[in-house]
Amino acid sequence: MQKTKKLVIVGDGEFGEIAYEYFTYDSEYEVAAFAVEEAYRTKDRLFGLPIVNVEDMEKEYSPKDYQIYVAVTYVKLNRVRRRLFDICKEKGYTGASYVSSHSFVWHNVEIGENTFIFEDNTIQYHVKIGDNVVLWSGNHIGHRTVIEDDCWLTSHDVVSGFCHIGKGSFIGVNATIGDNVSLAKDTVFGAGAVAVKSLLEKGCVYVGNPARKLDKTAYQQFGLEEE
């Protein structure tokens, strides 16, 4: 694929390495460098490319010429990825999104910035996906569904039609969400859980079939102050 855009990946951990691989071999982006916050930087190069400090990355990699991808997982219920994304936006960067060439994405799907869609995802008619979302491999996202900003869907999740996934939510592997179901902001939906009705209480953890609420909140599970 011809390289027509330049990219800095924010993050040098496992997800940063994965993002480099996918952007390099299956996108129009050429990765020029990595960036890490100075306090967490432990090395100077990765894959032969420089690692610079997030704090002053714009001095060498101007937002006019480079886009960024923040390659951070669901640490602190996606809050760390969001914080770094906001820092980069304040510097004037546009967040690059990656969509695997091995996924099926209908032509009128809307996808925001800094979103990463792995292989074997099926994303149907008029789905809307926000900023800073990750869909790992093998998910089904049904027609007219909305996935808000800062969500993380793992693998082999079925999200049916007309669903609404609230901002900051985490969906575990092999979860199933029926038609017209909404999940509130900051929902943690466990591996293999099944919901056939909406779950509208913010910041809750659900497991099982049918999904039942645990006493522990999402904020406790991810080490956050309750909101």
C-alpha atoms as a PDB file:
ATOM      1  CA  MET A   1       0.000   0.000   0.000  1.00  0.00           C
ATOM      2  CA  GLN A   2       1.374   3.409  -0.951  1.00  0.00           C
ATOM      3  CA  LYS A   3       2.452   5.543   2.007  1.00  0.00           C
ATOM      4  CA  THR A   4       0.863   8.992   1.742  1.00  0.00           C
ATOM      5  CA  LYS A   5       0.643  10.050   5.406  1.00  0.00           C
ATOM      6  CA  LYS A   6       3.107  10.254   8.313  1.00  0.00           C
ATOM      7  CA  LEU A   7       2.409   8.962  11.813  1.00  0.00           C
ATOM      8  CA  VAL A   8       3.776   9.101  15.342  1.00  0.00           C
ATOM      9  CA  ILE A   9       2.629   6.290  17.641  1.00  0.00           C
ATOM     10  CA  VAL A  10       2.138   7.366  21.257  1.00  0.00           C
ATOM     11  CA  GLY A  11       3.118   4.359  23.369  1.00  0.00           C
ATOM     12  CA  ASP A  12       5.967   1.855  23.110  1.00  0.00           C
ATOM     13  CA  GLY A  13       4.462  -1.150  24.892  1.00  0.00           C
ATOM     14  CA  GLU A  14       2.894  -4.250  23.372  1.00  0.00           C
ATOM     15  CA  PHE A  15      -0.014  -2.351  21.857  1.00  0.00           C
ATOM     16  CA  GLY A  16       2.404   0.211  20.448  1.00  0.00           C
ATOM     17  CA  GLU A  17       4.319  -2.588  18.743  1.00  0.00           C
ATOM     18  CA  ILE A  18       1.093  -4.103  17.393  1.00  0.00           C
ATOM     19  CA  ALA A  19      -0.062  -0.717  16.104  1.00  0.00           C
ATOM     20  CA  TYR A  20       3.286  -0.263  14.339  1.00  0.00           C
ATOM     21  CA  GLU A  21       2.903  -3.633  12.638  1.00  0.00           C
ATOM     22  CA  TYR A  22      -0.641  -2.982  11.410  1.00  0.00           C
ATOM     23  CA  PHE A  23      -0.065   0.601  10.290  1.00  0.00           C
ATOM     24  CA  THR A  24       3.157  -0.413   8.526  1.00  0.00           C
ATOM     25  CA  TYR A  25       1.830  -3.399   6.602  1.00  0.00           C
ATOM     26  CA  ASP A  26      -1.838  -2.509   6.086  1.00  0.00           C
ATOM     27  CA  SER A  27      -2.331   1.241   5.843  1.00  0.00           C
ATOM     28  CA  GLU A  28      -1.362   4.404   4.007  1.00  0.00           C
ATOM     29  CA  TYR A  29       0.575   5.614   7.058  1.00  0.00           C
ATOM     30  CA  GLU A  30       4.353   5.572   7.405  1.00  0.00           C
ATOM     31  CA  VAL A  31       5.360   5.381  11.069  1.00  0.00           C
ATOM     32  CA  ALA A  32       8.136   7.923  11.712  1.00  0.00           C
ATOM     33  CA  ALA A  33       8.577   7.721  15.499  1.00  0.00           C
ATOM     34  CA  PHE A  34       7.161   6.705  18.843  1.00  0.00           C
ATOM     35  CA  ALA A  35       6.364   9.065  21.736  1.00  0.00           C
ATOM     36  CA  VAL A  36       6.197   8.361  25.460  1.00  0.00           C
ATOM     37  CA  GLU A  37       5.745  10.653  28.457  1.00  0.00           C
ATOM     38  CA  GLU A  38       9.194  11.495  29.795  1.00  0.00           C
ATOM     39  CA  ALA A  39       8.574   9.952  33.225  1.00  0.00           C
ATOM     40  CA  TYR A  40       7.811   6.553  31.633  1.00  0.00           C
ATOM     41  CA  ARG A  41      10.412   6.527  28.894  1.00  0.00           C
ATOM     42  CA  THR A  42      12.962   3.716  29.306  1.00  0.00           C
ATOM     43  CA  LYS A  43      14.603   3.503  25.876  1.00  0.00           C
ATOM     44  CA  ASP A  44      15.521   5.664  22.908  1.00  0.00           C
ATOM     45  CA  ARG A  45      14.546   3.546  19.895  1.00  0.00           C
ATOM     46  CA  LEU A  46      12.029   0.908  18.832  1.00  0.00           C
ATOM     47  CA  PHE A  47      12.105  -0.926  15.493  1.00  0.00           C
ATOM     48  CA  GLY A  48      14.960   1.375  14.556  1.00  0.00           C
ATOM     49  CA  LEU A  49      12.790   4.478  15.024  1.00  0.00           C
ATOM     50  CA  PRO A  50      13.312   7.244  17.592  1.00  0.00           C
ATOM     51  CA  ILE A  51      11.282   7.448  20.788  1.00  0.00           C
ATOM     52  CA  VAL A  52      10.655  11.068  21.783  1.00  0.00           C
ATOM     53  CA  ASN A  53       8.977  12.710  24.753  1.00  0.00           C
ATOM     54  CA  VAL A  54       5.266  13.441  24.427  1.00  0.00           C
ATOM     55  CA  GLU A  55       5.857  16.751  26.181  1.00  0.00           C
ATOM     56  CA  ASP A  56       7.821  18.217  23.269  1.00  0.00           C
ATOM     57  CA  MET A  57       7.107  15.871  20.342  1.00  0.00           C
ATOM     58  CA  GLU A  58       5.719  18.701  18.219  1.00  0.00           C
ATOM     59  CA  LYS A  59       9.197  20.270  17.972  1.00  0.00           C
ATOM     60  CA  GLU A  60      10.404  17.453  15.706  1.00  0.00           C
ATOM     61  CA  TYR A  61       7.080  16.126  14.392  1.00  0.00           C
ATOM     62  CA  SER A  62       4.821  19.032  13.563  1.00  0.00           C
ATOM     63  CA  PRO A  63       1.038  18.501  13.736  1.00  0.00           C
ATOM     64  CA  LYS A  64       0.938  20.064  10.260  1.00  0.00           C
ATOM     65  CA  ASP A  65       2.864  17.126   8.830  1.00  0.00           C
ATOM     66  CA  TYR A  66       2.193  14.214  11.174  1.00  0.00           C
ATOM     67  CA  GLN A  67      -0.822  12.509  12.701  1.00  0.00           C
ATOM     68  CA  ILE A  68      -0.763  10.476  15.911  1.00  0.00           C
ATOM     69  CA  TYR A  69      -2.177   7.209  17.139  1.00  0.00           C
ATOM     70  CA  VAL A  70      -2.378   6.690  20.923  1.00  0.00           C
ATOM     71  CA  ALA A  71      -1.616   2.995  21.405  1.00  0.00           C
ATOM     72  CA  VAL A  72      -2.649   2.483  25.015  1.00  0.00           C
ATOM     73  CA  THR A  73      -4.996  -0.244  26.276  1.00  0.00           C
ATOM     74  CA  TYR A  74      -7.974  -0.004  28.658  1.00  0.00           C
ATOM     75  CA  VAL A  75      -5.802   1.027  31.636  1.00  0.00           C
ATOM     76  CA  LYS A  76      -7.883   2.913  34.216  1.00  0.00           C
ATOM     77  CA  LEU A  77     -11.018   2.109  32.224  1.00  0.00           C
ATOM     78  CA  ASN A  78      -9.676   3.794  29.071  1.00  0.00           C
ATOM     79  CA  ARG A  79      -8.842   6.997  30.979  1.00  0.00           C
ATOM     80  CA  VAL A  80      -5.094   6.912  30.258  1.00  0.00           C
ATOM     81  CA  ARG A  81      -5.673   6.575  26.511  1.00  0.00           C
ATOM     82  CA  ARG A  82      -8.176   9.443  26.638  1.00  0.00           C
ATOM     83  CA  ARG A  83      -5.802  11.665  28.656  1.00  0.00           C
ATOM     84  CA  LEU A  84      -2.965  11.186  26.167  1.00  0.00           C
ATOM     85  CA  PHE A  85      -5.318  11.674  23.225  1.00  0.00           C
ATOM     86  CA  ASP A  86      -6.491  14.971  24.724  1.00  0.00           C
ATOM     87  CA  ILE A  87      -2.884  16.103  25.231  1.00  0.00           C
ATOM     88  CA  CYS A  88      -2.139  15.401  21.574  1.00  0.00           C
ATOM     89  CA  LYS A  89      -5.301  17.193  20.433  1.00  0.00           C
ATOM     90  CA  GLU A  90      -4.296  20.243  22.466  1.00  0.00           C
ATOM     91  CA  LYS A  91      -1.000  20.236  20.566  1.00  0.00           C
ATOM     92  CA  GLY A  92      -2.955  20.325  17.317  1.00  0.00           C
ATOM     93  CA  TYR A  93      -2.619  16.706  16.183  1.00  0.00           C
ATOM     94  CA  THR A  94      -5.249  14.721  14.321  1.00  0.00           C
ATOM     95  CA  GLY A  95      -5.783  11.179  15.558  1.00  0.00           C
ATOM     96  CA  ALA A  96      -5.271   8.562  12.859  1.00  0.00           C
ATOM     97  CA  SER A  97      -7.677   5.626  12.736  1.00  0.00           C
ATOM     98  CA  TYR A  98      -6.799   2.165  11.476  1.00  0.00           C
ATOM     99  CA  VAL A  99      -9.363  -0.130   9.841  1.00  0.00           C
ATOM    100  CA  SER A 100      -8.099  -3.569   8.833  1.00  0.00           C
ATOM    101  CA  SER A 101      -8.423  -4.422   5.171  1.00  0.00           C
ATOM    102  CA  HIS A 102      -9.610  -7.822   6.411  1.00  0.00           C
ATOM    103  CA  SER A 103     -12.718  -6.412   8.086  1.00  0.00           C
ATOM    104  CA  PHE A 104     -16.118  -5.787   6.506  1.00  0.00           C
ATOM    105  CA  VAL A 105     -17.178  -2.172   7.016  1.00  0.00           C
ATOM    106  CA  TRP A 106     -20.296  -0.929   5.232  1.00  0.00           C
ATOM    107  CA  HIS A 107     -19.852   2.258   3.202  1.00  0.00           C
ATOM    108  CA  ASN A 108     -21.971   4.515   5.440  1.00  0.00           C
ATOM    109  CA  VAL A 109     -20.330   3.573   8.741  1.00  0.00           C
ATOM    110  CA  GLU A 110     -18.971   6.585  10.658  1.00  0.00           C
ATOM    111  CA  ILE A 111     -15.648   6.182  12.488  1.00  0.00           C
ATOM    112  CA  GLY A 112     -14.011   8.817  14.683  1.00  0.00           C
ATOM    113  CA  GLU A 113     -10.376   9.677  15.368  1.00  0.00           C
ATOM    114  CA  ASN A 114      -7.818   7.452  17.085  1.00  0.00           C
ATOM    115  CA  THR A 115      -9.932   4.345  16.598  1.00  0.00           C
ATOM    116  CA  PHE A 116      -8.428   0.935  15.822  1.00  0.00           C
ATOM    117  CA  ILE A 117     -10.419  -1.844  14.147  1.00  0.00           C
ATOM    118  CA  PHE A 118      -8.698  -5.202  13.862  1.00  0.00           C
ATOM    119  CA  GLU A 119      -9.274  -7.994  11.347  1.00  0.00           C
ATOM    120  CA  ASP A 120     -12.498  -9.966  10.935  1.00  0.00           C
ATOM    121  CA  ASN A 121     -14.814  -7.327  12.331  1.00  0.00           C
ATOM    122  CA  THR A 122     -18.217  -7.001  10.652  1.00  0.00           C
ATOM    123  CA  ILE A 123     -19.603  -3.479  10.962  1.00  0.00           C
ATOM    124  CA  GLN A 124     -23.015  -3.045   9.419  1.00  0.00           C
ATOM    125  CA  TYR A 125     -25.274  -0.381   7.944  1.00  0.00           C
ATOM    126  CA  HIS A 126     -25.144   3.093   9.547  1.00  0.00           C
ATOM    127  CA  VAL A 127     -23.094   2.095  12.585  1.00  0.00           C
ATOM    128  CA  LYS A 128     -21.466   5.042  14.364  1.00  0.00           C
ATOM    129  CA  ILE A 129     -18.175   4.548  16.202  1.00  0.00           C
ATOM    130  CA  GLY A 130     -16.695   7.418  18.216  1.00  0.00           C
ATOM    131  CA  ASP A 131     -13.179   8.609  18.944  1.00  0.00           C
ATOM    132  CA  ASN A 132     -10.580   6.554  20.792  1.00  0.00           C
ATOM    133  CA  VAL A 133     -12.344   3.195  20.388  1.00  0.00           C
ATOM    134  CA  VAL A 134     -10.692  -0.221  19.976  1.00  0.00           C
ATOM    135  CA  LEU A 135     -12.428  -3.197  18.374  1.00  0.00           C
ATOM    136  CA  TRP A 136     -10.134  -6.185  18.687  1.00  0.00           C
ATOM    137  CA  SER A 137     -10.571  -9.051  16.216  1.00  0.00           C
ATOM    138  CA  GLY A 138     -13.730 -10.887  15.220  1.00  0.00           C
ATOM    139  CA  ASN A 139     -16.625  -8.749  16.479  1.00  0.00           C
ATOM    140  CA  HIS A 140     -20.081  -8.244  14.949  1.00  0.00           C
ATOM    141  CA  ILE A 141     -21.527  -4.734  15.249  1.00  0.00           C
ATOM    142  CA  GLY A 142     -25.145  -4.663  14.094  1.00  0.00           C
ATOM    143  CA  HIS A 143     -26.934  -2.038  12.027  1.00  0.00           C
ATOM    144  CA  ARG A 144     -27.616   1.418  13.492  1.00  0.00           C
ATOM    145  CA  THR A 145     -25.596   0.692  16.622  1.00  0.00           C
ATOM    146  CA  VAL A 146     -23.710   3.544  18.288  1.00  0.00           C
ATOM    147  CA  ILE A 147     -20.441   2.977  20.151  1.00  0.00           C
ATOM    148  CA  GLU A 148     -19.477   6.115  22.027  1.00  0.00           C
ATOM    149  CA  ASP A 149     -15.956   7.468  22.634  1.00  0.00           C
ATOM    150  CA  ASP A 150     -13.273   5.647  24.643  1.00  0.00           C
ATOM    151  CA  CYS A 151     -14.752   2.135  24.483  1.00  0.00           C
ATOM    152  CA  TRP A 152     -12.821  -1.138  24.254  1.00  0.00           C
ATOM    153  CA  LEU A 153     -14.402  -4.260  22.740  1.00  0.00           C
ATOM    154  CA  THR A 154     -12.239  -7.352  23.055  1.00  0.00           C
ATOM    155  CA  SER A 155     -12.906 -10.264  20.633  1.00  0.00           C
ATOM    156  CA  HIS A 156     -15.874 -12.239  19.306  1.00  0.00           C
ATOM    157  CA  ASP A 157     -18.462  -9.912  20.778  1.00  0.00           C
ATOM    158  CA  VAL A 158     -21.916  -9.757  19.207  1.00  0.00           C
ATOM    159  CA  VAL A 159     -23.533  -6.349  19.441  1.00  0.00           C
ATOM    160  CA  SER A 160     -26.911  -6.517  17.732  1.00  0.00           C
ATOM    161  CA  GLY A 161     -28.836  -3.833  15.860  1.00  0.00           C
ATOM    162  CA  PHE A 162     -29.908  -0.476  17.316  1.00  0.00           C
ATOM    163  CA  CYS A 163     -27.671  -0.851  20.386  1.00  0.00           C
ATOM    164  CA  HIS A 164     -25.962   1.977  22.250  1.00  0.00           C
ATOM    165  CA  ILE A 165     -22.675   1.411  24.088  1.00  0.00           C
ATOM    166  CA  GLY A 166     -21.927   4.203  26.559  1.00  0.00           C
ATOM    167  CA  LYS A 167     -18.677   6.139  26.704  1.00  0.00           C
ATOM    168  CA  GLY A 168     -15.714   4.460  28.390  1.00  0.00           C
ATOM    169  CA  SER A 169     -17.221   0.969  28.456  1.00  0.00           C
ATOM    170  CA  PHE A 170     -15.306  -2.313  28.333  1.00  0.00           C
ATOM    171  CA  ILE A 171     -16.833  -5.416  26.721  1.00  0.00           C
ATOM    172  CA  GLY A 172     -15.207  -8.794  27.503  1.00  0.00           C
ATOM    173  CA  VAL A 173     -14.629 -11.663  25.066  1.00  0.00           C
ATOM    174  CA  ASN A 174     -17.601 -13.606  23.702  1.00  0.00           C
ATOM    175  CA  ALA A 175     -20.177 -11.200  25.124  1.00  0.00           C
ATOM    176  CA  THR A 176     -23.622 -10.932  23.503  1.00  0.00           C
ATOM    177  CA  ILE A 177     -25.824  -7.835  23.475  1.00  0.00           C
ATOM    178  CA  GLY A 178     -29.315  -8.196  22.019  1.00  0.00           C
ATOM    179  CA  ASP A 179     -31.250  -5.828  19.770  1.00  0.00           C
ATOM    180  CA  ASN A 180     -32.123  -2.351  21.079  1.00  0.00           C
ATOM    181  CA  VAL A 181     -30.010  -2.745  24.223  1.00  0.00           C
ATOM    182  CA  SER A 182     -28.193   0.219  25.748  1.00  0.00           C
ATOM    183  CA  LEU A 183     -25.265   0.050  28.151  1.00  0.00           C
ATOM    184  CA  ALA A 184     -24.571   3.062  30.367  1.00  0.00           C
ATOM    185  CA  LYS A 185     -21.346   5.027  30.492  1.00  0.00           C
ATOM    186  CA  ASP A 186     -18.382   3.137  32.034  1.00  0.00           C
ATOM    187  CA  THR A 187     -20.058  -0.261  31.914  1.00  0.00           C
ATOM    188  CA  VAL A 188     -17.801  -3.282  32.370  1.00  0.00           C
ATOM    189  CA  PHE A 189     -19.498  -6.216  30.652  1.00  0.00           C
ATOM    190  CA  GLY A 190     -17.763  -9.477  31.487  1.00  0.00           C
ATOM    191  CA  ALA A 191     -16.555 -12.279  29.250  1.00  0.00           C
ATOM    192  CA  GLY A 192     -19.453 -14.394  27.995  1.00  0.00           C
ATOM    193  CA  ALA A 193     -22.086 -12.115  29.523  1.00  0.00           C
ATOM    194  CA  VAL A 194     -25.464 -11.776  27.787  1.00  0.00           C
ATOM    195  CA  ALA A 195     -27.833  -8.792  27.905  1.00  0.00           C
ATOM    196  CA  VAL A 196     -31.290  -8.732  26.324  1.00  0.00           C
ATOM    197  CA  LYS A 197     -32.457  -5.578  28.116  1.00  0.00           C
ATOM    198  CA  SER A 198     -30.817  -2.214  28.679  1.00  0.00           C
ATOM    199  CA  LEU A 199     -28.477  -1.681  31.632  1.00  0.00           C
ATOM    200  CA  LEU A 200     -28.614   2.033  32.406  1.00  0.00           C
ATOM    201  CA  GLU A 201     -26.842   2.401  35.761  1.00  0.00           C
ATOM    202  CA  LYS A 202     -23.491   4.089  35.179  1.00  0.00           C
ATOM    203  CA  GLY A 203     -20.228   2.433  36.179  1.00  0.00           C
ATOM    204  CA  CYS A 204     -21.463  -1.087  36.931  1.00  0.00           C
ATOM    205  CA  VAL A 205     -19.882  -4.497  36.363  1.00  0.00           C
ATOM    206  CA  TYR A 206     -21.997  -7.283  34.857  1.00  0.00           C
ATOM    207  CA  VAL A 207     -21.331 -11.006  34.451  1.00  0.00           C
ATOM    208  CA  GLY A 208     -23.247 -14.110  33.447  1.00  0.00           C
ATOM    209  CA  ASN A 209     -26.231 -15.139  31.334  1.00  0.00           C
ATOM    210  CA  PRO A 210     -28.475 -13.309  31.835  1.00  0.00           C
ATOM    211  CA  ALA A 211     -26.115 -10.520  32.913  1.00  0.00           C
ATOM    212  CA  ARG A 212     -26.273  -9.720  36.625  1.00  0.00           C
ATOM    213  CA  LYS A 213     -24.725  -6.767  38.421  1.00  0.00           C
ATOM    214  CA  LEU A 214     -21.842  -7.347  40.822  1.00  0.00           C
ATOM    215  CA  ASP A 215     -21.424  -5.391  44.050  1.00  0.00           C
ATOM    216  CA  LYS A 216     -18.027  -4.160  42.869  1.00  0.00           C
ATOM    217  CA  THR A 217     -18.218  -1.122  40.589  1.00  0.00           C
ATOM    218  CA  ALA A 218     -16.201  -0.514  37.449  1.00  0.00           C
ATOM    219  CA  TYR A 219     -14.423   2.305  39.268  1.00  0.00           C
ATOM    220  CA  GLN A 220     -13.250  -0.023  42.034  1.00  0.00           C
ATOM    221  CA  GLN A 221     -12.171  -2.655  39.543  1.00  0.00           C
ATOM    222  CA  PHE A 222     -10.040  -0.171  37.596  1.00  0.00           C
ATOM    223  CA  GLY A 223      -8.720   1.786  40.569  1.00  0.00           C
ATOM    224  CA  LEU A 224     -10.684   4.970  39.909  1.00  0.00           C
ATOM    225  CA  GLU A 225     -12.547   7.365  42.134  1.00  0.00           C
ATOM    226  CA  GLU A 226     -16.304   6.860  41.818  1.00  0.00           C
ATOM    227  CA  GLU A 227     -17.892   9.397  39.506  1.00  0.00           C
END
